Amino acid sequence: MITRFITDVTTRFNPFSPRAKAARLFLTRLPPGARASGMNIATQLLPRTSTEPSSLHIKFKDGKEMKIDCETMNIKNIVEEVDRHSRALQKADDMAS
């Protein structure tokens, strides 16, 4: 997954819910030094009894924002969506160089 163009990641999920698996897995796919390289990562853990759906909000360097519903998408689909936009930014960056 290309994370170089991601500036902010915000997640909200109940860690005990099986439907929050995609949000948890997305956080594990971020590189260990992501915060040190300038990425803002905010995670809000909901209580065990919460019925609020899991959410993932991603901002890119070009200003695009993605609001992803983790309840309906699996991790493979989320990574594909993020990589699709990251590859477009990569192409634009390569053309400018």
N, C-alpha and C. Protein backbone atom coordinates (compact mmCIF):
# COMPACT_ATOMS: atom_id res chain seq x y z
N MET A 1 0.84 -1.17 0.00
CA MET A 1 0.00 0.00 0.00
C MET A 1 0.89 1.24 0.00
N ILE A 2 0.58 2.19 -0.87
CA ILE A 2 1.35 3.42 -0.98
C ILE A 2 0.82 4.41 0.06
N THR A 3 1.62 4.70 1.07
CA THR A 3 1.17 5.59 2.15
C THR A 3 1.88 6.94 2.12
N ARG A 4 2.72 7.15 1.15
CA ARG A 4 3.52 8.37 1.08
C ARG A 4 2.67 9.62 0.91
N PHE A 5 1.51 9.50 0.29
CA PHE A 5 0.67 10.65 -0.01
C PHE A 5 -0.46 10.84 1.01
N ILE A 6 -0.54 10.00 2.01
CA ILE A 6 -1.58 10.11 3.04
C ILE A 6 -1.09 11.07 4.12
N THR A 7 -1.93 12.05 4.48
CA THR A 7 -1.55 13.00 5.52
C THR A 7 -2.26 12.73 6.84
N ASP A 8 -3.54 12.33 6.78
CA ASP A 8 -4.32 12.09 8.01
C ASP A 8 -5.11 10.79 7.90
N VAL A 9 -5.14 10.07 9.00
CA VAL A 9 -5.97 8.88 9.11
C VAL A 9 -6.73 8.99 10.43
N THR A 10 -8.05 8.92 10.35
CA THR A 10 -8.88 8.97 11.55
C THR A 10 -9.79 7.75 11.55
N THR A 11 -9.78 7.00 12.64
CA THR A 11 -10.62 5.82 12.74
C THR A 11 -11.44 5.87 14.02
N ARG A 12 -12.62 5.28 13.94
CA ARG A 12 -13.50 5.09 15.10
C ARG A 12 -14.04 3.67 15.01
N PHE A 13 -13.80 2.89 16.04
CA PHE A 13 -14.31 1.53 16.00
C PHE A 13 -14.36 0.93 17.40
N ASN A 14 -15.21 -0.08 17.52
CA ASN A 14 -15.32 -0.87 18.72
C ASN A 14 -14.35 -2.04 18.54
N PRO A 15 -13.28 -2.12 19.31
CA PRO A 15 -12.26 -3.14 19.08
C PRO A 15 -12.77 -4.57 19.29
N PHE A 16 -13.90 -4.72 19.95
CA PHE A 16 -14.43 -6.05 20.22
C PHE A 16 -15.44 -6.51 19.17
N SER A 17 -15.79 -5.63 18.26
CA SER A 17 -16.78 -5.96 17.23
C SER A 17 -16.10 -6.66 16.05
N PRO A 18 -16.68 -7.74 15.56
CA PRO A 18 -16.10 -8.39 14.38
C PRO A 18 -16.20 -7.52 13.12
N ARG A 19 -17.13 -6.59 13.10
CA ARG A 19 -17.30 -5.71 11.94
C ARG A 19 -16.24 -4.61 11.90
N ALA A 20 -15.43 -4.48 12.93
CA ALA A 20 -14.36 -3.48 12.97
C ALA A 20 -13.04 -4.05 12.47
N LYS A 21 -13.06 -5.25 11.98
CA LYS A 21 -11.83 -5.91 11.55
C LYS A 21 -11.10 -5.12 10.46
N ALA A 22 -11.84 -4.57 9.50
CA ALA A 22 -11.20 -3.84 8.40
C ALA A 22 -10.46 -2.60 8.91
N ALA A 23 -11.06 -1.89 9.86
CA ALA A 23 -10.41 -0.69 10.41
C ALA A 23 -9.14 -1.08 11.17
N ARG A 24 -9.20 -2.14 11.94
CA ARG A 24 -8.03 -2.59 12.69
C ARG A 24 -6.92 -3.03 11.74
N LEU A 25 -7.28 -3.77 10.69
CA LEU A 25 -6.27 -4.24 9.74
C LEU A 25 -5.66 -3.09 8.95
N PHE A 26 -6.46 -2.06 8.64
CA PHE A 26 -5.90 -0.91 7.92
C PHE A 26 -4.83 -0.24 8.78
N LEU A 27 -5.08 -0.10 10.07
CA LEU A 27 -4.08 0.52 10.95
C LEU A 27 -2.81 -0.31 11.01
N THR A 28 -2.92 -1.62 10.93
CA THR A 28 -1.72 -2.45 10.97
C THR A 28 -0.92 -2.36 9.68
N ARG A 29 -1.54 -1.95 8.58
CA ARG A 29 -0.84 -1.81 7.30
C ARG A 29 -0.09 -0.50 7.16
N LEU A 30 -0.29 0.41 8.08
CA LEU A 30 0.48 1.66 8.05
C LEU A 30 1.90 1.38 8.51
N PRO A 31 2.89 2.03 7.92
CA PRO A 31 4.28 1.75 8.30
C PRO A 31 4.57 2.21 9.74
N PRO A 32 5.53 1.56 10.40
CA PRO A 32 5.84 1.91 11.79
C PRO A 32 6.27 3.36 11.99
N GLY A 33 6.95 3.93 11.03
CA GLY A 33 7.43 5.31 11.17
C GLY A 33 6.50 6.34 10.55
N ALA A 34 5.24 6.01 10.40
CA ALA A 34 4.29 6.91 9.73
C ALA A 34 4.13 8.22 10.48
N ARG A 35 4.02 8.16 11.78
CA ARG A 35 3.85 9.40 12.56
C ARG A 35 5.11 10.26 12.50
N ALA A 36 6.25 9.62 12.51
CA ALA A 36 7.51 10.36 12.46
C ALA A 36 7.69 11.06 11.11
N SER A 37 7.09 10.50 10.07
CA SER A 37 7.22 11.11 8.74
C SER A 37 6.14 12.15 8.47
N GLY A 38 5.31 12.46 9.45
CA GLY A 38 4.35 13.55 9.31
C GLY A 38 2.90 13.15 9.17
N MET A 39 2.59 11.88 9.19
CA MET A 39 1.20 11.44 9.07
C MET A 39 0.51 11.58 10.43
N ASN A 40 -0.67 12.18 10.42
CA ASN A 40 -1.47 12.29 11.65
C ASN A 40 -2.40 11.09 11.72
N ILE A 41 -2.30 10.35 12.80
CA ILE A 41 -3.14 9.17 12.99
C ILE A 41 -3.93 9.36 14.28
N ALA A 42 -5.25 9.37 14.14
CA ALA A 42 -6.13 9.52 15.31
C ALA A 42 -7.06 8.31 15.37
N THR A 43 -7.08 7.66 16.52
CA THR A 43 -7.91 6.49 16.70
C THR A 43 -8.80 6.70 17.91
N GLN A 44 -10.08 6.48 17.72
CA GLN A 44 -11.01 6.56 18.84
C GLN A 44 -11.63 5.18 19.03
N LEU A 45 -11.39 4.62 20.20
CA LEU A 45 -11.95 3.32 20.52
C LEU A 45 -13.30 3.52 21.19
N LEU A 46 -14.30 2.87 20.66
CA LEU A 46 -15.65 2.97 21.20
C LEU A 46 -15.84 1.91 22.29
N PRO A 47 -16.76 2.13 23.21
CA PRO A 47 -17.00 1.13 24.26
C PRO A 47 -17.55 -0.18 23.68
N ARG A 48 -17.39 -1.22 24.44
CA ARG A 48 -17.81 -2.55 24.02
C ARG A 48 -19.30 -2.60 23.68
N THR A 49 -20.10 -1.82 24.37
CA THR A 49 -21.55 -1.85 24.17
C THR A 49 -22.01 -0.90 23.06
N SER A 50 -21.12 -0.21 22.43
CA SER A 50 -21.47 0.76 21.40
C SER A 50 -22.03 0.07 20.15
N THR A 51 -23.05 0.68 19.58
CA THR A 51 -23.62 0.17 18.33
C THR A 51 -23.27 1.08 17.16
N GLU A 52 -22.44 2.08 17.40
CA GLU A 52 -22.02 3.01 16.35
C GLU A 52 -21.16 2.25 15.32
N PRO A 53 -21.38 2.49 14.03
CA PRO A 53 -20.60 1.77 13.02
C PRO A 53 -19.14 2.22 12.98
N SER A 54 -18.29 1.33 12.53
CA SER A 54 -16.87 1.64 12.37
C SER A 54 -16.69 2.58 11.20
N SER A 55 -15.73 3.50 11.32
CA SER A 55 -15.49 4.44 10.23
C SER A 55 -14.00 4.67 10.06
N LEU A 56 -13.65 5.05 8.85
CA LEU A 56 -12.27 5.34 8.49
C LEU A 56 -12.29 6.57 7.60
N HIS A 57 -11.52 7.58 7.97
CA HIS A 57 -11.47 8.84 7.23
C HIS A 57 -10.01 9.08 6.87
N ILE A 58 -9.74 9.24 5.57
CA ILE A 58 -8.37 9.39 5.08
C ILE A 58 -8.27 10.68 4.29
N LYS A 59 -7.21 11.46 4.55
CA LYS A 59 -6.93 12.68 3.78
C LYS A 59 -5.59 12.50 3.07
N PHE A 60 -5.55 13.01 1.83
CA PHE A 60 -4.35 12.92 1.02
C PHE A 60 -3.70 14.29 0.87
N LYS A 61 -2.46 14.31 0.38
CA LYS A 61 -1.71 15.56 0.21
C LYS A 61 -2.36 16.51 -0.77
N ASP A 62 -3.11 16.00 -1.73
CA ASP A 62 -3.76 16.87 -2.72
C ASP A 62 -5.10 17.43 -2.23
N GLY A 63 -5.49 17.09 -1.00
CA GLY A 63 -6.72 17.62 -0.43
C GLY A 63 -7.90 16.67 -0.50
N LYS A 64 -7.79 15.58 -1.25
CA LYS A 64 -8.90 14.63 -1.35
C LYS A 64 -9.12 13.94 -0.02
N GLU A 65 -10.38 13.75 0.30
CA GLU A 65 -10.77 13.05 1.53
C GLU A 65 -11.61 11.84 1.17
N MET A 66 -11.32 10.73 1.83
CA MET A 66 -12.11 9.52 1.64
C MET A 66 -12.75 9.16 2.97
N LYS A 67 -14.06 8.98 2.95
CA LYS A 67 -14.78 8.48 4.12
C LYS A 67 -15.22 7.07 3.78
N ILE A 68 -14.66 6.12 4.48
CA ILE A 68 -14.88 4.72 4.16
C ILE A 68 -15.70 4.07 5.27
N ASP A 69 -16.74 3.35 4.86
CA ASP A 69 -17.57 2.61 5.80
C ASP A 69 -16.95 1.22 5.96
N CYS A 70 -16.35 1.00 7.09
CA CYS A 70 -15.65 -0.27 7.34
C CYS A 70 -16.61 -1.43 7.57
N GLU A 71 -17.86 -1.14 7.80
CA GLU A 71 -18.85 -2.19 8.04
C GLU A 71 -19.18 -2.94 6.74
N THR A 72 -19.13 -2.22 5.60
CA THR A 72 -19.55 -2.84 4.34
C THR A 72 -18.37 -3.25 3.46
N MET A 73 -17.20 -2.68 3.68
CA MET A 73 -16.04 -2.99 2.84
C MET A 73 -15.05 -3.85 3.62
N ASN A 74 -14.42 -4.78 2.92
CA ASN A 74 -13.37 -5.56 3.58
C ASN A 74 -12.03 -4.88 3.35
N ILE A 75 -10.99 -5.38 3.97
CA ILE A 75 -9.68 -4.72 3.94
C ILE A 75 -9.11 -4.68 2.52
N LYS A 76 -9.37 -5.70 1.74
CA LYS A 76 -8.85 -5.73 0.37
C LYS A 76 -9.45 -4.58 -0.45
N ASN A 77 -10.74 -4.36 -0.33
CA ASN A 77 -11.39 -3.27 -1.06
C ASN A 77 -10.92 -1.90 -0.58
N ILE A 78 -10.69 -1.75 0.70
CA ILE A 78 -10.22 -0.48 1.24
C ILE A 78 -8.82 -0.17 0.71
N VAL A 79 -7.95 -1.15 0.73
CA VAL A 79 -6.58 -0.96 0.23
C VAL A 79 -6.60 -0.63 -1.25
N GLU A 80 -7.47 -1.27 -2.02
CA GLU A 80 -7.58 -0.98 -3.45
C GLU A 80 -8.01 0.47 -3.68
N GLU A 81 -8.99 0.95 -2.92
CA GLU A 81 -9.46 2.33 -3.06
C GLU A 81 -8.35 3.33 -2.73
N VAL A 82 -7.64 3.09 -1.64
CA VAL A 82 -6.57 3.99 -1.22
C VAL A 82 -5.43 3.95 -2.24
N ASP A 83 -5.07 2.77 -2.69
CA ASP A 83 -3.98 2.64 -3.67
C ASP A 83 -4.34 3.25 -5.02
N ARG A 84 -5.60 3.20 -5.39
CA ARG A 84 -6.02 3.78 -6.67
C ARG A 84 -5.70 5.27 -6.70
N HIS A 85 -6.06 5.96 -5.63
CA HIS A 85 -5.78 7.40 -5.60
C HIS A 85 -4.28 7.67 -5.39
N SER A 86 -3.62 6.85 -4.59
CA SER A 86 -2.18 7.03 -4.36
C SER A 86 -1.38 6.83 -5.64
N ARG A 87 -1.79 5.87 -6.47
CA ARG A 87 -1.10 5.66 -7.74
C ARG A 87 -1.28 6.86 -8.67
N ALA A 88 -2.47 7.46 -8.66
CA ALA A 88 -2.69 8.65 -9.49
C ALA A 88 -1.79 9.79 -9.02
N LEU A 89 -1.65 9.95 -7.71
CA LEU A 89 -0.75 10.98 -7.18
C LEU A 89 0.70 10.66 -7.50
N GLN A 90 1.05 9.39 -7.48
CA GLN A 90 2.41 8.96 -7.83
C GLN A 90 2.72 9.30 -9.29
N LYS A 91 1.77 9.06 -10.19
CA LYS A 91 1.96 9.38 -11.60
C LYS A 91 2.15 10.89 -11.79
N ALA A 92 1.32 11.67 -11.13
CA ALA A 92 1.43 13.12 -11.24
C ALA A 92 2.77 13.61 -10.70
N ASP A 93 3.24 13.00 -9.61
CA ASP A 93 4.53 13.36 -9.03
C ASP A 93 5.67 12.98 -9.97
N ASP A 94 5.57 11.82 -10.61
CA ASP A 94 6.61 11.38 -11.55
C ASP A 94 6.65 12.27 -12.78
N MET A 95 5.47 12.72 -13.24
CA MET A 95 5.42 13.58 -14.43
C MET A 95 6.01 14.96 -14.12
N ALA A 96 5.81 15.44 -12.89
CA ALA A 96 6.33 16.75 -12.50
C ALA A 96 7.84 16.73 -12.31
N SER A 97 8.38 15.59 -12.00
CA SER A 97 9.83 15.49 -11.75
C SER A 97 10.64 15.39 -13.03
